[in-house]
Amino acid sequence: MVFAPASFSPYPAPNYASPQQPAPYGSSLPASSPPPPLWTPTATAPPARPPVTVRAQIGEETALRRQPAPAQTRRRALALPAPEQFGIVAARESAATAIDWAAVHSRLDHLGVTCFHLEKRTAGDYRVTCLLPAREQGKAHRIEAAAASEPEAIRLTLTQAEAWAKGP
C-alpha cells in the first residue's frame, strides 16, 4: 500500500473561471467592441467564362451516317409444334355438352332437394350427391351418381331423383 501526504492529489485541481455577476435589470450593458467576423468576402470575382452558344440545329452528318443500309436478309417463318406434341390435350367439354345450371337448379327445386354436392375426383371422373326429404319426418334420402363427365353425372343424379320422387 502506498502512503501519500494528505495534501497530495493524483489529479490536477480544476481551474474554473470565477462567475461574473449579471448586470441589474434596466442598466445598460458595458460597451465592448463586436467580435471580428469569421469570414470576410474577397473583392475578387471568379474568372469569367466564355459565353455558351446553343443552336437548335442538327450538326453535320458524319461519314458513318452516309453509309448505305445493309441489304435486308430474308427471315424464315417460325414454326411452332402442335400442342399435342407437348402432351396438351384439348378440353373434353364442348359447347354442345355445356351445363344449363338454371335448368338444373329449377329441377332440383321442383324435387325439393335440400343438399346438392358436385365433386371432381382425382381419377378425373365426377360424383354428384343430393339429399331429398324422405316420407318420414326428419329423415332424408341420399342419391349419388358417378360418371366420366360432369354433365353425365348430373343427368344420372336428376334421373334417379325424379324416379325416387315418383314413388314405387
N, C-alpha and C. Protein backbone atom coordinates (compact mmCIF):
# COMPACT_ATOMS: atom_id res chain seq x y z
N MET A 1 0.85 -1.17 0.00
CA MET A 1 0.00 0.00 0.00
C MET A 1 0.90 1.23 0.00
N VAL A 2 0.53 2.25 -0.80
CA VAL A 2 1.34 3.46 -0.92
C VAL A 2 0.70 4.54 -0.07
N PHE A 3 1.56 5.20 0.68
CA PHE A 3 1.05 6.30 1.51
C PHE A 3 1.48 7.62 0.90
N ALA A 4 0.59 8.58 0.92
CA ALA A 4 0.88 9.90 0.37
C ALA A 4 0.41 10.94 1.37
N PRO A 5 1.03 12.13 1.33
CA PRO A 5 0.58 13.17 2.25
C PRO A 5 -0.87 13.57 1.97
N ALA A 6 -1.56 14.10 2.93
CA ALA A 6 -2.96 14.45 2.82
C ALA A 6 -3.18 15.54 1.79
N SER A 7 -2.21 16.41 1.55
CA SER A 7 -2.39 17.49 0.59
C SER A 7 -2.12 17.02 -0.84
N PHE A 8 -1.64 15.81 -1.01
CA PHE A 8 -1.31 15.31 -2.35
C PHE A 8 -2.57 14.83 -3.06
N SER A 9 -2.72 15.23 -4.30
CA SER A 9 -3.84 14.78 -5.12
C SER A 9 -3.26 14.21 -6.40
N PRO A 10 -3.67 13.06 -6.81
CA PRO A 10 -3.11 12.49 -8.03
C PRO A 10 -3.60 13.22 -9.28
N TYR A 11 -4.67 14.01 -9.18
CA TYR A 11 -5.22 14.73 -10.31
C TYR A 11 -4.99 16.21 -10.11
N PRO A 12 -4.73 16.95 -11.18
CA PRO A 12 -4.55 18.39 -11.02
C PRO A 12 -5.87 19.04 -10.64
N ALA A 13 -5.82 20.11 -9.89
CA ALA A 13 -7.03 20.81 -9.46
C ALA A 13 -7.61 21.56 -10.66
N PRO A 14 -8.93 21.54 -10.83
CA PRO A 14 -9.53 22.27 -11.94
C PRO A 14 -9.35 23.77 -11.76
N ASN A 15 -9.21 24.47 -12.88
CA ASN A 15 -9.03 25.91 -12.85
C ASN A 15 -10.26 26.53 -13.46
N TYR A 16 -11.27 26.76 -12.65
CA TYR A 16 -12.51 27.33 -13.12
C TYR A 16 -12.42 28.85 -13.08
N ALA A 17 -13.06 29.50 -14.07
CA ALA A 17 -13.13 30.96 -14.07
C ALA A 17 -14.19 31.38 -13.07
N SER A 18 -13.99 32.49 -12.43
CA SER A 18 -14.97 32.94 -11.44
C SER A 18 -16.16 33.53 -12.18
N PRO A 19 -17.36 33.24 -11.74
CA PRO A 19 -18.55 33.73 -12.43
C PRO A 19 -18.68 35.24 -12.27
N GLN A 20 -19.22 35.87 -13.33
CA GLN A 20 -19.45 37.30 -13.26
C GLN A 20 -20.89 37.55 -12.84
N GLN A 21 -21.09 38.60 -12.13
CA GLN A 21 -22.43 38.95 -11.69
C GLN A 21 -23.18 39.57 -12.87
N PRO A 22 -24.42 39.18 -13.10
CA PRO A 22 -25.17 39.80 -14.19
C PRO A 22 -25.49 41.24 -13.86
N ALA A 23 -25.66 42.03 -14.92
CA ALA A 23 -25.98 43.45 -14.73
C ALA A 23 -27.40 43.56 -14.21
N PRO A 24 -27.66 44.50 -13.34
CA PRO A 24 -29.02 44.67 -12.82
C PRO A 24 -29.97 45.05 -13.97
N TYR A 25 -31.27 44.72 -13.76
CA TYR A 25 -32.28 44.98 -14.78
C TYR A 25 -32.38 46.48 -15.02
N GLY A 26 -32.44 46.85 -16.30
CA GLY A 26 -32.60 48.26 -16.66
C GLY A 26 -31.27 48.95 -16.88
N SER A 27 -30.19 48.42 -16.45
CA SER A 27 -28.91 49.09 -16.67
C SER A 27 -28.40 48.70 -18.04
N SER A 28 -27.60 49.52 -18.62
CA SER A 28 -27.08 49.25 -19.95
C SER A 28 -25.88 48.33 -19.85
N LEU A 29 -25.65 47.60 -20.89
CA LEU A 29 -24.51 46.69 -20.92
C LEU A 29 -23.25 47.49 -21.15
N PRO A 30 -22.13 47.01 -20.66
CA PRO A 30 -20.88 47.75 -20.89
C PRO A 30 -20.56 47.76 -22.39
N ALA A 31 -20.03 48.83 -22.85
CA ALA A 31 -19.69 48.98 -24.26
C ALA A 31 -18.48 48.12 -24.56
N SER A 32 -18.62 47.29 -25.54
CA SER A 32 -17.49 46.47 -25.95
C SER A 32 -17.50 46.42 -27.47
N SER A 33 -16.42 46.09 -28.04
CA SER A 33 -16.35 46.05 -29.49
C SER A 33 -16.94 44.72 -29.97
N PRO A 34 -17.59 44.73 -31.14
CA PRO A 34 -18.18 43.48 -31.64
C PRO A 34 -17.08 42.49 -32.01
N PRO A 35 -17.38 41.20 -31.96
CA PRO A 35 -16.36 40.20 -32.28
C PRO A 35 -16.00 40.31 -33.76
N PRO A 36 -14.82 39.94 -34.12
CA PRO A 36 -14.44 40.02 -35.53
C PRO A 36 -15.22 38.98 -36.34
N PRO A 37 -15.51 39.27 -37.60
CA PRO A 37 -16.26 38.31 -38.41
C PRO A 37 -15.42 37.06 -38.67
N LEU A 38 -16.13 35.94 -38.78
CA LEU A 38 -15.44 34.68 -39.02
C LEU A 38 -14.95 34.56 -40.45
N TRP A 39 -15.66 35.23 -41.39
CA TRP A 39 -15.28 35.15 -42.79
C TRP A 39 -15.49 36.51 -43.43
N THR A 40 -14.56 36.91 -44.18
CA THR A 40 -14.70 38.19 -44.88
C THR A 40 -14.69 37.92 -46.37
N PRO A 41 -15.66 38.45 -47.10
CA PRO A 41 -15.71 38.21 -48.53
C PRO A 41 -14.53 38.88 -49.22
N THR A 42 -14.05 38.22 -50.26
CA THR A 42 -12.96 38.81 -51.02
C THR A 42 -13.53 39.66 -52.13
N ALA A 43 -12.79 40.63 -52.53
CA ALA A 43 -13.25 41.57 -53.54
C ALA A 43 -13.02 41.03 -54.94
N THR A 44 -12.33 39.90 -55.09
CA THR A 44 -12.06 39.39 -56.43
C THR A 44 -13.22 38.53 -56.89
N ALA A 45 -13.62 38.70 -58.13
CA ALA A 45 -14.71 37.92 -58.72
C ALA A 45 -14.12 36.67 -59.36
N PRO A 46 -14.92 35.63 -59.50
CA PRO A 46 -14.41 34.43 -60.16
C PRO A 46 -14.10 34.75 -61.62
N PRO A 47 -13.24 33.96 -62.23
CA PRO A 47 -12.90 34.25 -63.62
C PRO A 47 -14.12 34.10 -64.52
N ALA A 48 -14.24 34.95 -65.48
CA ALA A 48 -15.38 34.95 -66.39
C ALA A 48 -15.28 33.78 -67.35
N ARG A 49 -16.41 33.12 -67.59
CA ARG A 49 -16.45 32.01 -68.53
C ARG A 49 -16.84 32.56 -69.90
N PRO A 50 -16.39 31.90 -70.94
CA PRO A 50 -16.82 32.37 -72.26
C PRO A 50 -18.31 32.06 -72.44
N PRO A 51 -19.03 32.89 -73.16
CA PRO A 51 -20.47 32.64 -73.34
C PRO A 51 -20.70 31.36 -74.14
N VAL A 52 -21.77 30.64 -73.76
CA VAL A 52 -22.12 29.39 -74.41
C VAL A 52 -23.18 29.68 -75.47
N THR A 53 -22.95 29.18 -76.66
CA THR A 53 -23.90 29.37 -77.75
C THR A 53 -24.67 28.07 -77.95
N VAL A 54 -25.98 28.14 -77.92
CA VAL A 54 -26.82 26.98 -78.11
C VAL A 54 -27.64 27.20 -79.37
N ARG A 55 -27.58 26.24 -80.29
CA ARG A 55 -28.34 26.32 -81.53
C ARG A 55 -29.23 25.08 -81.63
N ALA A 56 -30.44 25.27 -82.06
CA ALA A 56 -31.37 24.16 -82.21
C ALA A 56 -31.30 23.60 -83.63
N GLN A 57 -30.14 23.07 -83.96
CA GLN A 57 -29.91 22.51 -85.28
C GLN A 57 -29.18 21.20 -85.13
N ILE A 58 -29.30 20.37 -86.16
CA ILE A 58 -28.55 19.13 -86.20
C ILE A 58 -27.19 19.47 -86.79
N GLY A 59 -26.18 18.92 -86.22
CA GLY A 59 -24.84 19.16 -86.72
C GLY A 59 -24.63 18.47 -88.06
N GLU A 60 -23.47 18.58 -88.59
CA GLU A 60 -23.12 17.97 -89.87
C GLU A 60 -23.17 16.45 -89.74
N GLU A 61 -23.63 15.79 -90.79
CA GLU A 61 -23.67 14.33 -90.77
C GLU A 61 -22.26 13.79 -90.87
N THR A 62 -22.04 12.71 -90.19
CA THR A 62 -20.71 12.10 -90.23
C THR A 62 -20.66 11.08 -91.35
N ALA A 63 -19.48 10.59 -91.62
CA ALA A 63 -19.30 9.61 -92.69
C ALA A 63 -20.03 8.31 -92.37
N LEU A 64 -20.18 7.97 -91.09
CA LEU A 64 -20.86 6.72 -90.71
C LEU A 64 -22.33 6.77 -91.09
N ARG A 65 -22.93 7.91 -90.98
CA ARG A 65 -24.35 8.02 -91.28
C ARG A 65 -24.61 7.94 -92.78
N ARG A 66 -23.65 8.27 -93.58
CA ARG A 66 -23.85 8.30 -95.02
C ARG A 66 -23.70 6.93 -95.67
N GLN A 67 -23.27 5.93 -94.90
CA GLN A 67 -23.11 4.60 -95.48
C GLN A 67 -24.48 4.01 -95.79
N PRO A 68 -24.61 3.28 -96.87
CA PRO A 68 -25.91 2.67 -97.20
C PRO A 68 -26.27 1.59 -96.18
N ALA A 69 -27.55 1.41 -95.98
CA ALA A 69 -28.02 0.38 -95.04
C ALA A 69 -27.70 -1.00 -95.61
N PRO A 70 -27.41 -1.97 -94.75
CA PRO A 70 -27.12 -3.31 -95.25
C PRO A 70 -28.37 -3.92 -95.90
N ALA A 71 -28.16 -4.79 -96.83
CA ALA A 71 -29.28 -5.42 -97.52
C ALA A 71 -30.10 -6.25 -96.52
N GLN A 72 -31.40 -6.17 -96.66
CA GLN A 72 -32.28 -6.91 -95.76
C GLN A 72 -32.16 -8.41 -96.04
N THR A 73 -31.98 -9.18 -94.99
CA THR A 73 -31.92 -10.63 -95.16
C THR A 73 -33.31 -11.19 -94.99
N ARG A 74 -33.62 -12.19 -95.73
CA ARG A 74 -34.95 -12.81 -95.66
C ARG A 74 -34.99 -13.71 -94.43
N ARG A 75 -35.96 -13.48 -93.61
CA ARG A 75 -36.10 -14.26 -92.39
C ARG A 75 -37.04 -15.44 -92.63
N ARG A 76 -36.70 -16.54 -92.00
CA ARG A 76 -37.55 -17.72 -92.12
C ARG A 76 -38.73 -17.60 -91.17
N ALA A 77 -39.84 -18.17 -91.56
CA ALA A 77 -41.02 -18.18 -90.70
C ALA A 77 -40.77 -19.13 -89.53
N LEU A 78 -41.24 -18.73 -88.37
CA LEU A 78 -41.08 -19.54 -87.17
C LEU A 78 -42.25 -20.52 -87.09
N ALA A 79 -41.94 -21.78 -87.00
CA ALA A 79 -42.98 -22.81 -86.93
C ALA A 79 -43.04 -23.36 -85.51
N LEU A 80 -44.21 -23.32 -84.92
CA LEU A 80 -44.41 -23.86 -83.57
C LEU A 80 -45.01 -25.26 -83.68
N PRO A 81 -44.56 -26.17 -82.86
CA PRO A 81 -45.16 -27.51 -82.88
C PRO A 81 -46.58 -27.47 -82.33
N ALA A 82 -47.34 -28.47 -82.68
CA ALA A 82 -48.72 -28.58 -82.23
C ALA A 82 -48.76 -28.85 -80.72
N PRO A 83 -49.77 -28.37 -80.02
CA PRO A 83 -49.86 -28.60 -78.57
C PRO A 83 -49.87 -30.08 -78.20
N GLU A 84 -50.41 -30.93 -79.06
CA GLU A 84 -50.47 -32.36 -78.77
C GLU A 84 -49.08 -32.96 -78.67
N GLN A 85 -48.09 -32.37 -79.37
CA GLN A 85 -46.72 -32.88 -79.29
C GLN A 85 -46.11 -32.67 -77.91
N PHE A 86 -46.64 -31.70 -77.16
CA PHE A 86 -46.17 -31.44 -75.80
C PHE A 86 -47.03 -32.14 -74.75
N GLY A 87 -48.03 -32.87 -75.18
CA GLY A 87 -48.90 -33.58 -74.23
C GLY A 87 -50.09 -32.75 -73.78
N ILE A 88 -50.36 -31.65 -74.45
CA ILE A 88 -51.51 -30.81 -74.10
C ILE A 88 -52.70 -31.30 -74.90
N VAL A 89 -53.78 -31.60 -74.19
CA VAL A 89 -54.96 -32.16 -74.82
C VAL A 89 -56.06 -31.11 -74.80
N ALA A 90 -56.87 -31.09 -75.82
CA ALA A 90 -57.99 -30.16 -75.89
C ALA A 90 -58.99 -30.51 -74.80
N ALA A 91 -59.75 -29.52 -74.37
CA ALA A 91 -60.74 -29.73 -73.32
C ALA A 91 -61.78 -30.75 -73.76
N ARG A 92 -62.20 -31.60 -72.82
CA ARG A 92 -63.18 -32.63 -73.15
C ARG A 92 -64.57 -32.05 -73.34
N GLU A 93 -64.84 -30.96 -72.63
CA GLU A 93 -66.17 -30.42 -72.63
C GLU A 93 -66.32 -29.40 -73.76
N SER A 94 -67.32 -29.55 -74.58
CA SER A 94 -67.55 -28.61 -75.68
C SER A 94 -68.81 -27.82 -75.39
N ALA A 95 -69.14 -26.91 -76.30
CA ALA A 95 -70.32 -26.09 -76.11
C ALA A 95 -71.59 -26.94 -76.16
N ALA A 96 -71.53 -28.05 -76.90
CA ALA A 96 -72.71 -28.91 -77.01
C ALA A 96 -73.03 -29.60 -75.69
N THR A 97 -72.01 -29.88 -74.88
CA THR A 97 -72.24 -30.57 -73.60
C THR A 97 -72.22 -29.62 -72.42
N ALA A 98 -72.28 -28.32 -72.67
CA ALA A 98 -72.28 -27.36 -71.57
C ALA A 98 -73.53 -27.57 -70.71
N ILE A 99 -73.41 -27.26 -69.45
CA ILE A 99 -74.50 -27.48 -68.49
C ILE A 99 -75.33 -26.22 -68.38
N ASP A 100 -76.64 -26.37 -68.45
CA ASP A 100 -77.56 -25.25 -68.22
C ASP A 100 -77.91 -25.27 -66.73
N TRP A 101 -77.15 -24.51 -65.95
CA TRP A 101 -77.30 -24.55 -64.50
C TRP A 101 -78.66 -24.01 -64.05
N ALA A 102 -79.22 -23.10 -64.80
CA ALA A 102 -80.55 -22.59 -64.43
C ALA A 102 -81.58 -23.72 -64.49
N ALA A 103 -81.50 -24.53 -65.52
CA ALA A 103 -82.43 -25.66 -65.65
C ALA A 103 -82.17 -26.70 -64.56
N VAL A 104 -80.90 -26.95 -64.24
CA VAL A 104 -80.56 -27.92 -63.19
C VAL A 104 -81.12 -27.46 -61.86
N HIS A 105 -80.92 -26.18 -61.51
CA HIS A 105 -81.43 -25.67 -60.23
C HIS A 105 -82.96 -25.68 -60.20
N SER A 106 -83.58 -25.42 -61.32
CA SER A 106 -85.05 -25.45 -61.37
C SER A 106 -85.56 -26.87 -61.10
N ARG A 107 -84.93 -27.86 -61.72
CA ARG A 107 -85.36 -29.25 -61.49
C ARG A 107 -85.09 -29.67 -60.04
N LEU A 108 -83.95 -29.25 -59.47
CA LEU A 108 -83.65 -29.59 -58.08
C LEU A 108 -84.66 -28.94 -57.13
N ASP A 109 -85.01 -27.69 -57.38
CA ASP A 109 -86.02 -27.02 -56.54
C ASP A 109 -87.38 -27.69 -56.66
N HIS A 110 -87.75 -28.11 -57.86
CA HIS A 110 -89.03 -28.78 -58.07
C HIS A 110 -89.09 -30.10 -57.30
N LEU A 111 -87.95 -30.80 -57.23
CA LEU A 111 -87.90 -32.07 -56.49
C LEU A 111 -87.83 -31.85 -54.98
N GLY A 112 -87.47 -30.64 -54.53
CA GLY A 112 -87.36 -30.36 -53.09
C GLY A 112 -86.01 -30.78 -52.51
N VAL A 113 -84.99 -30.80 -53.33
CA VAL A 113 -83.65 -31.20 -52.88
C VAL A 113 -83.17 -30.23 -51.80
N THR A 114 -82.67 -30.78 -50.69
CA THR A 114 -82.18 -29.94 -49.59
C THR A 114 -80.66 -29.77 -49.61
N CYS A 115 -79.95 -30.66 -50.33
CA CYS A 115 -78.49 -30.59 -50.39
C CYS A 115 -78.04 -31.10 -51.74
N PHE A 116 -77.08 -30.41 -52.34
CA PHE A 116 -76.55 -30.80 -53.64
C PHE A 116 -75.03 -30.63 -53.58
N HIS A 117 -74.28 -31.68 -53.98
CA HIS A 117 -72.82 -31.64 -53.90
C HIS A 117 -72.23 -32.23 -55.18
N LEU A 118 -71.35 -31.46 -55.82
CA LEU A 118 -70.67 -31.90 -57.03
C LEU A 118 -69.19 -32.02 -56.70
N GLU A 119 -68.61 -33.17 -57.01
CA GLU A 119 -67.20 -33.43 -56.67
C GLU A 119 -66.46 -33.92 -57.89
N LYS A 120 -65.31 -33.28 -58.18
CA LYS A 120 -64.42 -33.78 -59.23
C LYS A 120 -63.34 -34.58 -58.53
N ARG A 121 -63.29 -35.87 -58.82
CA ARG A 121 -62.38 -36.76 -58.10
C ARG A 121 -61.02 -36.80 -58.79
N THR A 122 -60.03 -37.32 -58.08
CA THR A 122 -58.66 -37.35 -58.60
C THR A 122 -58.52 -38.22 -59.84
N ALA A 123 -59.38 -39.18 -60.02
CA ALA A 123 -59.33 -40.05 -61.19
C ALA A 123 -59.83 -39.33 -62.44
N GLY A 124 -60.40 -38.13 -62.28
CA GLY A 124 -60.90 -37.38 -63.43
C GLY A 124 -62.38 -37.52 -63.64
N ASP A 125 -63.03 -38.40 -62.87
CA ASP A 125 -64.47 -38.54 -63.02
C ASP A 125 -65.19 -37.62 -62.04
N TYR A 126 -66.51 -37.61 -62.10
CA TYR A 126 -67.33 -36.71 -61.28
C TYR A 126 -68.32 -37.52 -60.48
N ARG A 127 -68.59 -37.01 -59.27
CA ARG A 127 -69.61 -37.63 -58.43
C ARG A 127 -70.55 -36.54 -57.95
N VAL A 128 -71.86 -36.80 -58.09
CA VAL A 128 -72.88 -35.85 -57.66
C VAL A 128 -73.72 -36.54 -56.59
N THR A 129 -73.92 -35.81 -55.49
CA THR A 129 -74.71 -36.33 -54.38
C THR A 129 -75.79 -35.30 -54.05
N CYS A 130 -77.00 -35.77 -53.78
CA CYS A 130 -78.06 -34.86 -53.34
C CYS A 130 -78.92 -35.55 -52.29
N LEU A 131 -79.59 -34.75 -51.46
CA LEU A 131 -80.47 -35.26 -50.42
C LEU A 131 -81.88 -34.77 -50.68
N LEU A 132 -82.81 -35.72 -50.63
CA LEU A 132 -84.23 -35.41 -50.80
C LEU A 132 -84.93 -35.68 -49.48
N PRO A 133 -85.94 -34.90 -49.15
CA PRO A 133 -86.67 -35.19 -47.91
C PRO A 133 -87.43 -36.52 -48.04
N ALA A 134 -87.27 -37.37 -47.03
CA ALA A 134 -87.93 -38.68 -47.05
C ALA A 134 -89.38 -38.52 -46.60
N ARG A 135 -90.13 -39.61 -46.77
CA ARG A 135 -91.53 -39.58 -46.38
C ARG A 135 -91.68 -39.53 -44.86
N GLU A 136 -90.70 -40.03 -44.14
CA GLU A 136 -90.73 -39.98 -42.67
C GLU A 136 -90.15 -38.65 -42.20
N GLN A 137 -90.74 -38.11 -41.16
CA GLN A 137 -90.33 -36.81 -40.63
C GLN A 137 -88.89 -36.84 -40.12
N GLY A 138 -88.07 -35.86 -40.54
CA GLY A 138 -86.70 -35.73 -40.03
C GLY A 138 -85.69 -36.62 -40.72
N LYS A 139 -86.08 -37.34 -41.74
CA LYS A 139 -85.15 -38.21 -42.45
C LYS A 139 -84.97 -37.72 -43.88
N ALA A 140 -83.80 -38.09 -44.48
CA ALA A 140 -83.50 -37.69 -45.86
C ALA A 140 -83.08 -38.91 -46.66
N HIS A 141 -83.36 -38.87 -47.95
CA HIS A 141 -82.97 -39.95 -48.85
C HIS A 141 -81.78 -39.44 -49.67
N ARG A 142 -80.72 -40.25 -49.69
CA ARG A 142 -79.49 -39.87 -50.39
C ARG A 142 -79.45 -40.50 -51.77
N ILE A 143 -79.13 -39.66 -52.77
CA ILE A 143 -78.97 -40.14 -54.15
C ILE A 143 -77.57 -39.75 -54.60
N GLU A 144 -76.88 -40.72 -55.19
CA GLU A 144 -75.49 -40.49 -55.62
C GLU A 144 -75.28 -41.13 -56.98
N ALA A 145 -74.54 -40.40 -57.86
CA ALA A 145 -74.22 -40.94 -59.18
C ALA A 145 -72.83 -40.48 -59.57
N ALA A 146 -72.10 -41.35 -60.26
CA ALA A 146 -70.75 -41.03 -60.73
C ALA A 146 -70.70 -41.29 -62.22
N ALA A 147 -69.93 -40.44 -62.93
CA ALA A 147 -69.78 -40.61 -64.38
C ALA A 147 -68.45 -39.98 -64.81
N ALA A 148 -68.08 -40.24 -66.06
CA ALA A 148 -66.81 -39.74 -66.59
C ALA A 148 -66.85 -38.24 -66.85
N SER A 149 -68.04 -37.68 -67.09
CA SER A 149 -68.15 -36.25 -67.35
C SER A 149 -69.12 -35.61 -66.36
N GLU A 150 -68.97 -34.33 -66.17
CA GLU A 150 -69.83 -33.60 -65.25
C GLU A 150 -71.29 -33.59 -65.71
N PRO A 151 -71.58 -33.29 -66.98
CA PRO A 151 -72.99 -33.29 -67.41
C PRO A 151 -73.65 -34.66 -67.26
N GLU A 152 -72.88 -35.71 -67.53
CA GLU A 152 -73.46 -37.06 -67.42
C GLU A 152 -73.77 -37.40 -65.96
N ALA A 153 -72.90 -37.02 -65.03
CA ALA A 153 -73.14 -37.30 -63.61
C ALA A 153 -74.37 -36.54 -63.12
N ILE A 154 -74.53 -35.30 -63.56
CA ILE A 154 -75.70 -34.51 -63.15
C ILE A 154 -76.98 -35.11 -63.76
N ARG A 155 -76.92 -35.53 -65.03
CA ARG A 155 -78.09 -36.13 -65.68
C ARG A 155 -78.52 -37.41 -64.96
N LEU A 156 -77.53 -38.26 -64.59
CA LEU A 156 -77.86 -39.50 -63.88
C LEU A 156 -78.49 -39.22 -62.52
N THR A 157 -77.95 -38.24 -61.80
CA THR A 157 -78.48 -37.90 -60.47
C THR A 157 -79.91 -37.39 -60.57
N LEU A 158 -80.16 -36.49 -61.51
CA LEU A 158 -81.52 -35.96 -61.67
C LEU A 158 -82.51 -37.06 -62.08
N THR A 159 -82.08 -37.97 -62.93
CA THR A 159 -82.96 -39.08 -63.35
C THR A 159 -83.32 -39.97 -62.16
N GLN A 160 -82.31 -40.30 -61.33
CA GLN A 160 -82.58 -41.14 -60.14
C GLN A 160 -83.47 -40.40 -59.15
N ALA A 161 -83.25 -39.09 -58.97
CA ALA A 161 -84.05 -38.31 -58.01
C ALA A 161 -85.49 -38.23 -58.48
N GLU A 162 -85.72 -38.02 -59.75
CA GLU A 162 -87.10 -37.95 -60.26
C GLU A 162 -87.79 -39.30 -60.17
N ALA A 163 -87.05 -40.39 -60.39
CA ALA A 163 -87.64 -41.72 -60.27
C ALA A 163 -88.02 -42.01 -58.83
N TRP A 164 -87.17 -41.61 -57.87
CA TRP A 164 -87.47 -41.84 -56.46
C TRP A 164 -88.64 -40.98 -56.01
N ALA A 165 -88.73 -39.74 -56.51
CA ALA A 165 -89.80 -38.82 -56.11
C ALA A 165 -91.16 -39.33 -56.57
N LYS A 166 -91.21 -40.03 -57.72
CA LYS A 166 -92.50 -40.57 -58.22
C LYS A 166 -93.03 -41.67 -57.31
N GLY A 167 -92.11 -42.34 -56.66
CA GLY A 167 -92.52 -43.39 -55.72
C GLY A 167 -92.60 -44.74 -56.37
N PRO A 168 -92.87 -45.79 -55.55
CA PRO A 168 -92.92 -47.15 -56.08
C PRO A 168 -94.17 -47.46 -56.83
